[in-house]
Amino acid sequence: MLFPQKIPSTLNINKLELPSDVVQRIQNGPRPRIVGGTQTTDRTDYPWFCSLISASGTSPYCGGSYIGGPYVVTAAHCAYFSGASQVRVVMGHITTTEIGDGTGTIYNVERIIMSHNYNDSTIDSDIAILELTRSPSSDGFSPISVATSGFGAGEGAGTPVTVLGFG
């Protein structure tokens, strides 16, 4: 494994509001992935989505969002065991297939900025910023629109949202 991760041996599902069938799958099966999701193959729909690969690899292992300038936001657990020289970001490639099929632009990482509150045992504050060596906007990629502080005020259970990721 290129990036070993400390995964909690237990998952406290009592704090989560999940349907009983999802709780059952979590208790009885492997780590859950996105449930009920659909595969997208049109990278123009999500020009801000990026993949993380190891510096020596070609298979994406995590996703992220381009937020403007030379910055990408991702989960801290995706970068916790990595130095900046050990990870690369790929824009324009939105599947889990190996990089090298002619899609995607690869960026080197200058610096990894981890949340000061990140806890690898509990996965609390699971957020990190990757500073790239150059801005993806110079290659025509657009940053994600960031939600305003009022987002979520009127939303409730059952409100459709779009989530991208590898699981």
Foldseek 3Di string as FASTA:
>chain_A
DLQDADDAPDDPCVVPDDPPVVVVCCVPHDHDDDPPDDDDDDLVVQQQKKFKDFLPFFFGDKIWGHADWQKIKGFQRVPVRHFQQGMKIWTQGADRDGPDPPGTDIWGFPGKAADPPQDRNNSPSGMIMTGTPGTCVVVVGDGDDDDDPCPPVPDDPPDDDDDGMDD
